[in-house]
PDB file of N, CA and C in Angstrom:
ATOM      1  N   UNK A   1      -9.189   2.728 -11.272  1.00  0.00           N
ATOM      2  CA  UNK A   1     -10.163   3.746 -10.197  1.00  0.00           C
ATOM      3  C   UNK A   1     -10.301   5.026 -10.463  1.00  0.00           C
ATOM      4  N   UNK A   2      -9.107   5.698 -10.868  1.00  0.00           N
ATOM      5  CA  UNK A   2      -9.328   6.847 -11.348  1.00  0.00           C
ATOM      6  C   UNK A   2     -10.180   7.295 -12.472  1.00  0.00           C
ATOM      7  N   UNK A   3      -9.852   6.417 -13.630  1.00  0.00           N
ATOM      8  CA  UNK A   3     -10.337   6.890 -14.824  1.00  0.00           C
ATOM      9  C   UNK A   3     -11.954   6.538 -14.991  1.00  0.00           C
ATOM     10  N   UNK A   4     -12.044   5.260 -14.015  1.00  0.00           N
ATOM     11  CA  UNK A   4     -13.535   4.957 -14.203  1.00  0.00           C
ATOM     12  C   UNK A   4     -13.890   4.498 -12.677  1.00  0.00           C
ATOM     13  N   UNK A   5     -14.166   5.753 -12.033  1.00  0.00           N
ATOM     14  CA  UNK A   5     -14.441   5.650 -10.302  1.00  0.00           C
ATOM     15  C   UNK A   5     -15.400   5.157 -10.029  1.00  0.00           C
ATOM     16  N   UNK A   6     -16.728   4.564 -10.562  1.00  0.00           N
ATOM     17  CA  UNK A   6     -17.556   3.738 -10.368  1.00  0.00           C
ATOM     18  C   UNK A   6     -17.086   2.179  -9.712  1.00  0.00           C
ATOM     19  N   UNK A   7     -15.817   2.005  -9.997  1.00  0.00           N
ATOM     20  CA  UNK A   7     -15.424   0.872  -9.728  1.00  0.00           C
ATOM     21  C   UNK A   7     -15.478  -0.465 -10.738  1.00  0.00           C
ATOM     22  N   UNK A   8     -16.186   0.066 -12.028  1.00  0.00           N
ATOM     23  CA  UNK A   8     -16.463  -1.157 -12.674  1.00  0.00           C
ATOM     24  C   UNK A   8     -15.382  -2.052 -13.743  1.00  0.00           C
ATOM     25  N   UNK A   9     -14.382  -1.294 -13.826  1.00  0.00           N
ATOM     26  CA  UNK A   9     -13.064  -1.954 -14.265  1.00  0.00           C
ATOM     27  C   UNK A   9     -12.477  -2.781 -13.461  1.00  0.00           C
ATOM     28  N   UNK A  10     -12.596  -2.581 -12.259  1.00  0.00           N
ATOM     29  CA  UNK A  10     -12.040  -3.651 -11.296  1.00  0.00           C
ATOM     30  C   UNK A  10     -13.379  -4.486 -10.580  1.00  0.00           C
ATOM     31  N   UNK A  11     -14.353  -4.422 -11.233  1.00  0.00           N
ATOM     32  CA  UNK A  11     -15.568  -4.851 -10.555  1.00  0.00           C
ATOM     33  C   UNK A  11     -15.669  -4.693  -9.055  1.00  0.00           C
ATOM     34  N   UNK A  12     -15.414  -3.565  -8.499  1.00  0.00           N
ATOM     35  CA  UNK A  12     -15.772  -3.234  -7.249  1.00  0.00           C
ATOM     36  C   UNK A  12     -17.190  -2.542  -7.265  1.00  0.00           C
ATOM     37  N   UNK A  13     -17.674  -3.201  -6.195  1.00  0.00           N
ATOM     38  CA  UNK A  13     -19.003  -2.893  -5.819  1.00  0.00           C
ATOM     39  C   UNK A  13     -19.287  -1.431  -5.019  1.00  0.00           C
ATOM     40  N   UNK A  14     -19.979  -0.547  -5.498  1.00  0.00           N
ATOM     41  CA  UNK A  14     -19.957   0.851  -4.717  1.00  0.00           C
ATOM     42  C   UNK A  14     -20.627   0.585  -3.502  1.00  0.00           C
ATOM     43  N   UNK A  15     -21.326  -0.407  -3.238  1.00  0.00           N
ATOM     44  CA  UNK A  15     -21.707  -0.617  -1.633  1.00  0.00           C
ATOM     45  C   UNK A  15     -20.514  -0.786  -0.537  1.00  0.00           C
ATOM     46  N   UNK A  16     -19.360  -0.971  -1.335  1.00  0.00           N
ATOM     47  CA  UNK A  16     -17.942  -1.181  -0.364  1.00  0.00           C
ATOM     48  C   UNK A  16     -17.814   0.323   0.199  1.00  0.00           C
ATOM     49  N   UNK A  17     -17.996   1.153  -0.453  1.00  0.00           N
ATOM     50  CA  UNK A  17     -17.679   2.619   0.038  1.00  0.00           C
ATOM     51  C   UNK A  17     -18.656   2.985   1.206  1.00  0.00           C
ATOM     52  N   UNK A  18     -19.917   2.243   1.414  1.00  0.00           N
ATOM     53  CA  UNK A  18     -20.748   2.865   2.416  1.00  0.00           C
ATOM     54  C   UNK A  18     -19.993   2.871   3.641  1.00  0.00           C
ATOM     55  N   UNK A  19     -20.409   3.926   4.464  1.00  0.00           N
ATOM     56  CA  UNK A  19     -19.742   4.201   5.579  1.00  0.00           C
ATOM     57  C   UNK A  19     -18.495   4.881   5.403  1.00  0.00           C
ATOM     58  N   UNK A  20     -17.885   4.843   4.282  1.00  0.00           N
ATOM     59  CA  UNK A  20     -16.781   5.751   4.338  1.00  0.00           C
ATOM     60  C   UNK A  20     -16.698   7.151   3.842  1.00  0.00           C
ATOM     61  N   UNK A  21     -15.908   8.127   3.736  1.00  0.00           N
ATOM     62  CA  UNK A  21     -16.070   9.454   3.620  1.00  0.00           C
ATOM     63  C   UNK A  21     -16.090   9.589   1.794  1.00  0.00           C
ATOM     64  N   UNK A  22     -16.015   8.650   1.318  1.00  0.00           N
ATOM     65  CA  UNK A  22     -15.706   8.493  -0.287  1.00  0.00           C
ATOM     66  C   UNK A  22     -17.064   8.280  -0.883  1.00  0.00           C
ATOM     67  N   UNK A  23     -17.385   8.778  -2.225  1.00  0.00           N
ATOM     68  CA  UNK A  23     -18.766   8.624  -3.004  1.00  0.00           C
ATOM     69  C   UNK A  23     -18.156   7.687  -4.215  1.00  0.00           C
ATOM     70  N   UNK A  24     -17.284   7.656  -4.617  1.00  0.00           N
ATOM     71  CA  UNK A  24     -16.597   6.776  -5.484  1.00  0.00           C
ATOM     72  C   UNK A  24     -15.112   6.445  -5.370  1.00  0.00           C
ATOM     73  N   UNK A  25     -14.666   5.883  -6.288  1.00  0.00           N
ATOM     74  CA  UNK A  25     -13.230   5.183  -6.205  1.00  0.00           C
ATOM     75  C   UNK A  25     -12.095   6.173  -6.717  1.00  0.00           C
ATOM     76  N   UNK A  26     -12.575   7.340  -7.113  1.00  0.00           N
ATOM     77  CA  UNK A  26     -11.514   8.437  -7.605  1.00  0.00           C
ATOM     78  C   UNK A  26     -10.543   8.765  -6.507  1.00  0.00           C
ATOM     79  N   UNK A  27     -10.879   9.440  -5.291  1.00  0.00           N
ATOM     80  CA  UNK A  27      -9.853   9.789  -4.478  1.00  0.00           C
ATOM     81  C   UNK A  27      -9.216   8.642  -3.869  1.00  0.00           C
ATOM     82  N   UNK A  28      -9.889   7.448  -3.395  1.00  0.00           N
ATOM     83  CA  UNK A  28      -8.819   6.264  -3.214  1.00  0.00           C
ATOM     84  C   UNK A  28      -7.938   5.967  -4.200  1.00  0.00           C
ATOM     85  N   UNK A  29      -8.266   6.043  -5.372  1.00  0.00           N
ATOM     86  CA  UNK A  29      -7.403   5.602  -6.640  1.00  0.00           C
ATOM     87  C   UNK A  29      -5.908   6.643  -6.517  1.00  0.00           C
ATOM     88  N   UNK A  30      -6.537   8.064  -6.443  1.00  0.00           N
ATOM     89  CA  UNK A  30      -5.539   8.880  -6.581  1.00  0.00           C
ATOM     90  C   UNK A  30      -4.510   8.700  -5.030  1.00  0.00           C
ATOM     91  N   UNK A  31      -5.016   8.515  -4.096  1.00  0.00           N
ATOM     92  CA  UNK A  31      -4.367   8.093  -2.892  1.00  0.00           C
ATOM     93  C   UNK A  31      -3.454   7.022  -3.209  1.00  0.00           C
ATOM     94  N   UNK A  32      -4.068   5.941  -3.421  1.00  0.00           N
ATOM     95  CA  UNK A  32      -3.288   4.543  -3.845  1.00  0.00           C
ATOM     96  C   UNK A  32      -2.014   4.760  -4.784  1.00  0.00           C
ATOM     97  N   UNK A  33      -2.588   5.352  -5.851  1.00  0.00           N
ATOM     98  CA  UNK A  33      -1.347   5.758  -6.858  1.00  0.00           C
ATOM     99  C   UNK A  33      -0.263   6.766  -6.204  1.00  0.00           C
ATOM    100  N   UNK A  34      -0.512   7.866  -5.878  1.00  0.00           N
ATOM    101  CA  UNK A  34       0.252   8.927  -5.147  1.00  0.00           C
ATOM    102  C   UNK A  34       1.223   8.326  -4.008  1.00  0.00           C
ATOM    103  N   UNK A  35       0.572   8.038  -3.290  1.00  0.00           N
ATOM    104  CA  UNK A  35       0.934   8.070  -1.583  1.00  0.00           C
ATOM    105  C   UNK A  35       1.702   6.483  -1.787  1.00  0.00           C
ATOM    106  N   UNK A  36       0.757   5.499  -1.839  1.00  0.00           N
ATOM    107  CA  UNK A  36       1.501   4.133  -1.641  1.00  0.00           C
ATOM    108  C   UNK A  36       2.358   3.809  -3.041  1.00  0.00           C
ATOM    109  N   UNK A  37       1.763   4.049  -4.308  1.00  0.00           N
ATOM    110  CA  UNK A  37       2.474   3.784  -5.499  1.00  0.00           C
ATOM    111  C   UNK A  37       3.755   4.547  -5.499  1.00  0.00           C
ATOM    112  N   UNK A  38       3.947   6.074  -5.025  1.00  0.00           N
ATOM    113  CA  UNK A  38       4.819   6.787  -5.406  1.00  0.00           C
ATOM    114  C   UNK A  38       5.754   6.682  -4.415  1.00  0.00           C
ATOM    115  N   UNK A  39       5.688   6.389  -3.159  1.00  0.00           N
ATOM    116  CA  UNK A  39       6.682   5.868  -1.964  1.00  0.00           C
ATOM    117  C   UNK A  39       7.368   4.784  -2.492  1.00  0.00           C
ATOM    118  N   UNK A  40       6.691   3.737  -2.820  1.00  0.00           N
ATOM    119  CA  UNK A  40       7.365   2.531  -3.153  1.00  0.00           C
ATOM    120  C   UNK A  40       8.021   2.645  -4.767  1.00  0.00           C
ATOM    121  N   UNK A  41       7.599   3.573  -5.435  1.00  0.00           N
ATOM    122  CA  UNK A  41       8.326   3.728  -6.687  1.00  0.00           C
ATOM    123  C   UNK A  41       9.899   4.605  -6.455  1.00  0.00           C
ATOM    124  N   UNK A  42       9.666   5.458  -5.572  1.00  0.00           N
ATOM    125  CA  UNK A  42      10.740   6.352  -5.000  1.00  0.00           C
ATOM    126  C   UNK A  42      11.695   5.049  -4.334  1.00  0.00           C
ATOM    127  N   UNK A  43      11.304   4.382  -3.610  1.00  0.00           N
ATOM    128  CA  UNK A  43      12.171   3.461  -2.601  1.00  0.00           C
ATOM    129  C   UNK A  43      12.712   2.500  -3.823  1.00  0.00           C
ATOM    130  N   UNK A  44      12.269   1.771  -5.021  1.00  0.00           N
ATOM    131  CA  UNK A  44      12.644   1.298  -5.964  1.00  0.00           C
ATOM    132  C   UNK A  44      13.703   2.102  -6.676  1.00  0.00           C
ATOM    133  N   UNK A  45      13.382   3.310  -7.068  1.00  0.00           N
ATOM    134  CA  UNK A  45      14.580   4.139  -7.546  1.00  0.00           C
ATOM    135  C   UNK A  45      15.766   4.167  -6.503  1.00  0.00           C
ATOM    136  N   UNK A  46      15.535   4.363  -5.361  1.00  0.00           N
ATOM    137  CA  UNK A  46      16.639   4.656  -4.532  1.00  0.00           C
ATOM    138  C   UNK A  46      17.720   3.231  -4.280  1.00  0.00           C
ATOM    139  N   UNK A  47      16.962   2.259  -4.454  1.00  0.00           N
ATOM    140  CA  UNK A  47      17.579   0.950  -4.189  1.00  0.00           C
ATOM    141  C   UNK A  47      18.277   0.619  -5.805  1.00  0.00           C
ATOM    142  N   UNK A  48      17.823   1.119  -6.666  1.00  0.00           N
ATOM    143  CA  UNK A  48      18.422   0.675  -8.091  1.00  0.00           C
ATOM    144  C   UNK A  48      19.723   1.635  -7.894  1.00  0.00           C
ATOM    145  N   UNK A  49      19.870   2.949  -7.423  1.00  0.00           N
ATOM    146  CA  UNK A  49      20.979   4.168  -7.276  1.00  0.00           C
ATOM    147  C   UNK A  49      21.896   3.865  -6.160  1.00  0.00           C
ATOM    148  N   UNK A  50      21.628   2.724  -5.459  1.00  0.00           N
ATOM    149  CA  UNK A  50      22.400   2.286  -4.186  1.00  0.00           C
ATOM    150  C   UNK A  50      22.617   3.086  -3.390  1.00  0.00           C
ATOM    151  N   UNK A  51      21.219   3.932  -3.083  1.00  0.00           N
ATOM    152  CA  UNK A  51      21.486   5.310  -2.167  1.00  0.00           C
ATOM    153  C   UNK A  51      21.532   4.773  -0.705  1.00  0.00           C
ATOM    154  N   UNK A  52      22.205   5.498   0.067  1.00  0.00           N
ATOM    155  CA  UNK A  52      22.248   5.114   1.420  1.00  0.00           C
ATOM    156  C   UNK A  52      20.950   5.298   2.022  1.00  0.00           C
ATOM    157  N   UNK A  53      19.951   6.033   1.791  1.00  0.00           N
ATOM    158  CA  UNK A  53      18.729   5.836   2.396  1.00  0.00           C
ATOM    159  C   UNK A  53      17.567   4.878   1.837  1.00  0.00           C
ATOM    160  N   UNK A  54      17.996   3.821   0.961  1.00  0.00           N
ATOM    161  CA  UNK A  54      17.461   2.963   0.233  1.00  0.00           C
ATOM    162  C   UNK A  54      16.512   2.119   1.177  1.00  0.00           C
ATOM    163  N   UNK A  55      17.156   1.586   2.180  1.00  0.00           N
ATOM    164  CA  UNK A  55      16.697   0.577   3.210  1.00  0.00           C
ATOM    165  C   UNK A  55      15.447   1.495   4.169  1.00  0.00           C
ATOM    166  N   UNK A  56      15.617   2.694   4.523  1.00  0.00           N
ATOM    167  CA  UNK A  56      14.505   3.746   4.954  1.00  0.00           C
ATOM    168  C   UNK A  56      13.379   3.697   4.109  1.00  0.00           C
ATOM    169  N   UNK A  57      13.770   4.064   2.940  1.00  0.00           N
ATOM    170  CA  UNK A  57      12.470   4.396   1.885  1.00  0.00           C
ATOM    171  C   UNK A  57      11.895   2.954   1.931  1.00  0.00           C
ATOM    172  N   UNK A  58      12.530   1.802   1.806  1.00  0.00           N
ATOM    173  CA  UNK A  58      11.610   0.677   1.647  1.00  0.00           C
ATOM    174  C   UNK A  58      10.935   0.359   3.116  1.00  0.00           C
ATOM    175  N   UNK A  59      11.546   0.630   4.207  1.00  0.00           N
ATOM    176  CA  UNK A  59      10.706   0.370   5.617  1.00  0.00           C
ATOM    177  C   UNK A  59       9.503   1.302   5.607  1.00  0.00           C
ATOM    178  N   UNK A  60       9.624   2.375   4.845  1.00  0.00           N
ATOM    179  CA  UNK A  60       8.559   3.334   4.747  1.00  0.00           C
ATOM    180  C   UNK A  60       7.316   2.857   3.720  1.00  0.00           C
ATOM    181  N   UNK A  61       7.947   2.383   2.652  1.00  0.00           N
ATOM    182  CA  UNK A  61       7.069   1.898   1.743  1.00  0.00           C
ATOM    183  C   UNK A  61       6.252   0.779   2.309  1.00  0.00           C
ATOM    184  N   UNK A  62       6.792  -0.177   2.822  1.00  0.00           N
ATOM    185  CA  UNK A  62       6.273  -1.295   3.735  1.00  0.00           C
ATOM    186  C   UNK A  62       5.141  -0.988   4.339  1.00  0.00           C
ATOM    187  N   UNK A  63       5.435   0.075   5.193  1.00  0.00           N
ATOM    188  CA  UNK A  63       4.693   0.393   6.375  1.00  0.00           C
ATOM    189  C   UNK A  63       3.319   1.105   5.925  1.00  0.00           C
ATOM    190  N   UNK A  64       3.733   1.873   4.639  1.00  0.00           N
ATOM    191  CA  UNK A  64       2.396   2.474   4.131  1.00  0.00           C
ATOM    192  C   UNK A  64       1.344   1.481   3.537  1.00  0.00           C
ATOM    193  N   UNK A  65       1.989   0.182   2.904  1.00  0.00           N
ATOM    194  CA  UNK A  65       1.098  -0.728   2.702  1.00  0.00           C
ATOM    195  C   UNK A  65       0.435  -1.320   3.571  1.00  0.00           C
ATOM    196  N   UNK A  66       1.101  -1.514   4.717  1.00  0.00           N
ATOM    197  CA  UNK A  66       0.550  -2.034   5.914  1.00  0.00           C
ATOM    198  C   UNK A  66      -0.559  -1.185   6.467  1.00  0.00           C
ATOM    199  N   UNK A  67      -0.385   0.242   6.474  1.00  0.00           N
ATOM    200  CA  UNK A  67      -1.315   1.233   7.087  1.00  0.00           C
ATOM    201  C   UNK A  67      -2.405   1.171   6.080  1.00  0.00           C
ATOM    202  N   UNK A  68      -2.269   1.453   4.920  1.00  0.00           N
ATOM    203  CA  UNK A  68      -3.036   1.151   3.754  1.00  0.00           C
ATOM    204  C   UNK A  68      -4.329   0.232   3.858  1.00  0.00           C
ATOM    205  N   UNK A  69      -3.669  -1.230   3.938  1.00  0.00           N
ATOM    206  CA  UNK A  69      -4.544  -2.497   4.203  1.00  0.00           C
ATOM    207  C   UNK A  69      -5.395  -2.241   5.408  1.00  0.00           C
ATOM    208  N   UNK A  70      -4.661  -1.902   6.388  1.00  0.00           N
ATOM    209  CA  UNK A  70      -5.544  -1.858   7.945  1.00  0.00           C
ATOM    210  C   UNK A  70      -6.759  -0.471   7.764  1.00  0.00           C
ATOM    211  N   UNK A  71      -6.484   0.545   7.207  1.00  0.00           N
ATOM    212  CA  UNK A  71      -7.703   1.464   7.103  1.00  0.00           C
ATOM    213  C   UNK A  71      -8.432   0.971   5.916  1.00  0.00           C
ATOM    214  N   UNK A  72      -7.951   0.306   5.022  1.00  0.00           N
ATOM    215  CA  UNK A  72      -8.971  -0.375   3.853  1.00  0.00           C
ATOM    216  C   UNK A  72      -9.990  -1.186   4.862  1.00  0.00           C
ATOM    217  N   UNK A  73      -9.322  -1.964   5.430  1.00  0.00           N
ATOM    218  CA  UNK A  73     -10.284  -3.410   5.949  1.00  0.00           C
ATOM    219  C   UNK A  73     -11.211  -2.637   7.393  1.00  0.00           C
ATOM    220  N   UNK A  74     -10.952  -1.560   7.872  1.00  0.00           N
ATOM    221  CA  UNK A  74     -11.517  -1.035   8.843  1.00  0.00           C
ATOM    222  C   UNK A  74     -12.751  -0.232   8.288  1.00  0.00           C
ATOM    223  N   UNK A  75     -12.388   0.647   7.117  1.00  0.00           N
ATOM    224  CA  UNK A  75     -13.246   1.436   6.752  1.00  0.00           C
ATOM    225  C   UNK A  75     -14.574   0.546   5.480  1.00  0.00           C
ATOM    226  N   UNK A  76     -14.186  -0.438   5.180  1.00  0.00           N
ATOM    227  CA  UNK A  76     -14.998  -1.416   4.550  1.00  0.00           C
ATOM    228  C   UNK A  76     -15.660  -2.442   5.168  1.00  0.00           C
ATOM    229  N   UNK A  77     -15.052  -2.768   6.295  1.00  0.00           N
ATOM    230  CA  UNK A  77     -15.534  -3.952   7.324  1.00  0.00           C
ATOM    231  C   UNK A  77     -15.679  -5.245   6.892  1.00  0.00           C
ATOM    232  N   UNK A  78     -14.766  -5.689   6.013  1.00  0.00           N
ATOM    233  CA  UNK A  78     -14.379  -6.729   5.317  1.00  0.00           C
ATOM    234  C   UNK A  78     -13.088  -7.242   5.182  1.00  0.00           C
ATOM    235  N   UNK A  79     -12.712  -8.415   5.328  1.00  0.00           N
ATOM    236  CA  UNK A  79     -11.182  -8.978   4.597  1.00  0.00           C
ATOM    237  C   UNK A  79     -11.483  -9.827   3.753  1.00  0.00           C
ATOM    238  N   UNK A  80     -10.780  -9.623   2.498  1.00  0.00           N
ATOM    239  CA  UNK A  80     -10.457 -10.467   1.518  1.00  0.00           C
ATOM    240  C   UNK A  80      -9.246 -11.118   1.295  1.00  0.00           C
ATOM    241  N   UNK A  81      -9.067 -11.946   0.660  1.00  0.00           N
ATOM    242  CA  UNK A  81      -7.654 -12.529   0.533  1.00  0.00           C
ATOM    243  C   UNK A  81      -6.748 -11.922   0.166  1.00  0.00           C
ATOM    244  N   UNK A  82      -6.762 -10.814  -0.573  1.00  0.00           N
ATOM    245  CA  UNK A  82      -5.868 -10.012  -1.207  1.00  0.00           C
ATOM    246  C   UNK A  82      -5.527  -8.958  -0.168  1.00  0.00           C
ATOM    247  N   UNK A  83      -6.307  -8.624   0.882  1.00  0.00           N
ATOM    248  CA  UNK A  83      -5.798  -8.048   2.015  1.00  0.00           C
ATOM    249  C   UNK A  83      -4.707  -8.506   2.790  1.00  0.00           C
ATOM    250  N   UNK A  84      -5.018  -9.742   2.983  1.00  0.00           N
ATOM    251  CA  UNK A  84      -3.972 -10.573   3.642  1.00  0.00           C
ATOM    252  C   UNK A  84      -2.691 -10.920   3.118  1.00  0.00           C
ATOM    253  N   UNK A  85      -2.646 -10.782   1.531  1.00  0.00           N
ATOM    254  CA  UNK A  85      -1.578 -11.031   0.727  1.00  0.00           C
ATOM    255  C   UNK A  85      -0.918  -9.640   0.858  1.00  0.00           C
ATOM    256  N   UNK A  86      -1.434  -8.502   0.606  1.00  0.00           N
ATOM    257  CA  UNK A  86      -0.851  -7.441   0.432  1.00  0.00           C
ATOM    258  C   UNK A  86      -0.173  -6.931   1.887  1.00  0.00           C
ATOM    259  N   UNK A  87      -1.209  -7.179   2.951  1.00  0.00           N
ATOM    260  CA  UNK A  87      -0.438  -6.967   4.389  1.00  0.00           C
ATOM    261  C   UNK A  87       0.792  -7.702   4.628  1.00  0.00           C
ATOM    262  N   UNK A  88       0.878  -9.140   4.145  1.00  0.00           N
ATOM    263  CA  UNK A  88       1.927  -9.856   4.072  1.00  0.00           C
ATOM    264  C   UNK A  88       2.987  -9.528   3.906  1.00  0.00           C
ATOM    265  N   UNK A  89       2.676  -8.914   2.279  1.00  0.00           N
ATOM    266  CA  UNK A  89       3.764  -8.433   1.694  1.00  0.00           C
ATOM    267  C   UNK A  89       4.571  -7.177   2.098  1.00  0.00           C
ATOM    268  N   UNK A  90       3.640  -6.189   2.761  1.00  0.00           N
ATOM    269  CA  UNK A  90       4.180  -5.283   3.415  1.00  0.00           C
ATOM    270  C   UNK A  90       5.136  -5.704   4.707  1.00  0.00           C
ATOM    271  N   UNK A  91       4.583  -6.389   5.379  1.00  0.00           N
ATOM    272  CA  UNK A  91       5.398  -6.891   6.444  1.00  0.00           C
ATOM    273  C   UNK A  91       6.681  -7.622   5.981  1.00  0.00           C
ATOM    274  N   UNK A  92       6.719  -8.223   5.123  1.00  0.00           N
ATOM    275  CA  UNK A  92       8.087  -8.735   4.388  1.00  0.00           C
ATOM    276  C   UNK A  92       8.990  -7.857   3.756  1.00  0.00           C
ATOM    277  N   UNK A  93       8.312  -6.780   3.420  1.00  0.00           N
ATOM    278  CA  UNK A  93       9.303  -5.661   3.105  1.00  0.00           C
ATOM    279  C   UNK A  93      10.245  -4.863   3.837  1.00  0.00           C
ATOM    280  N   UNK A  94       9.247  -4.679   5.108  1.00  0.00           N
ATOM    281  CA  UNK A  94       9.801  -4.069   6.331  1.00  0.00           C
ATOM    282  C   UNK A  94      10.712  -4.742   7.127  1.00  0.00           C
ATOM    283  N   UNK A  95      10.227  -6.137   7.116  1.00  0.00           N
ATOM    284  CA  UNK A  95      11.663  -7.082   7.665  1.00  0.00           C
ATOM    285  C   UNK A  95      12.437  -7.164   6.849  1.00  0.00           C
ATOM    286  N   UNK A  96      12.584  -7.364   5.628  1.00  0.00           N
ATOM    287  CA  UNK A  96      13.594  -7.701   4.337  1.00  0.00           C
ATOM    288  C   UNK A  96      14.230  -6.549   4.524  1.00  0.00           C
ATOM    289  N   UNK A  97      13.780  -4.985   4.531  1.00  0.00           N
ATOM    290  CA  UNK A  97      14.798  -4.116   4.552  1.00  0.00           C
ATOM    291  C   UNK A  97      15.188  -3.777   5.773  1.00  0.00           C
ATOM    292  N   UNK A  98      14.683  -4.095   7.091  1.00  0.00           N
ATOM    293  CA  UNK A  98      15.263  -3.943   8.241  1.00  0.00           C
ATOM    294  C   UNK A  98      16.398  -4.869   8.579  1.00  0.00           C
ATOM    295  N   UNK A  99      16.308  -6.085   7.875  1.00  0.00           N
ATOM    296  CA  UNK A  99      17.670  -6.955   8.022  1.00  0.00           C
ATOM    297  C   UNK A  99      18.737  -6.597   7.054  1.00  0.00           C
ATOM    298  N   UNK A 100      18.224  -5.956   5.885  1.00  0.00           N
ATOM    299  CA  UNK A 100      19.218  -5.479   5.082  1.00  0.00           C
ATOM    300  C   UNK A 100      19.993  -4.529   5.586  1.00  0.00           C
ATOM    301  N   UNK A 101      19.449  -3.679   6.532  1.00  0.00           N
ATOM    302  CA  UNK A 101      20.070  -2.365   7.069  1.00  0.00           C
ATOM    303  C   UNK A 101      21.058  -2.649   7.977  1.00  0.00           C
ATOM    304  N   UNK A 102      20.953  -4.155   8.465  1.00  0.00           N
ATOM    305  CA  UNK A 102      21.714  -4.437   9.265  1.00  0.00           C
ATOM    306  C   UNK A 102      21.431  -4.442  10.834  1.00  0.00           C
ATOM    307  N   UNK A 103      20.049  -4.347  11.241  1.00  0.00           N
ATOM    308  CA  UNK A 103      19.562  -4.156  12.461  1.00  0.00           C
ATOM    309  C   UNK A 103      19.177  -5.496  13.120  1.00  0.00           C
ATOM    310  N   UNK A 104      19.066  -6.477  12.211  1.00  0.00           N
ATOM    311  CA  UNK A 104      18.341  -7.732  12.850  1.00  0.00           C
ATOM    312  C   UNK A 104      19.225  -8.839  12.179  1.00  0.00           C
ATOM    313  N   UNK A 105      19.648  -9.733  12.835  1.00  0.00           N
ATOM    314  CA  UNK A 105      20.517 -10.855  12.186  1.00  0.00           C
ATOM    315  C   UNK A 105      19.582 -12.013  12.793  1.00  0.00           C
ATOM    316  N   UNK A 106      19.667 -13.179  11.894  1.00  0.00           N
ATOM    317  CA  UNK A 106      18.693 -14.402  12.062  1.00  0.00           C
ATOM    318  C   UNK A 106      19.961 -15.410  12.715  1.00  0.00           C
TER     319      UNK A 106
END
């Protein structure tokens, strides 16, 4: 998305951006890699280091994925099966981290 902002490499149609503040996929790609990827990469690193904040970071990462998908669906006005998959993955990350944090017991 960053290297080819026309969406061609991912077979994304430019018409999906109609009604959004973006003219191409460069800025969404930067945000996706920087924010969503960065937070989740940081959470993975904290988990490998067994840092005491690892569960909070995982919850934040899952919440960011959920938020990204909600905003994306609202902006493009359509739901793809991958939206459902990633939204579900975000929920599972949040619930799993919350469980491991010891706040919720089954």
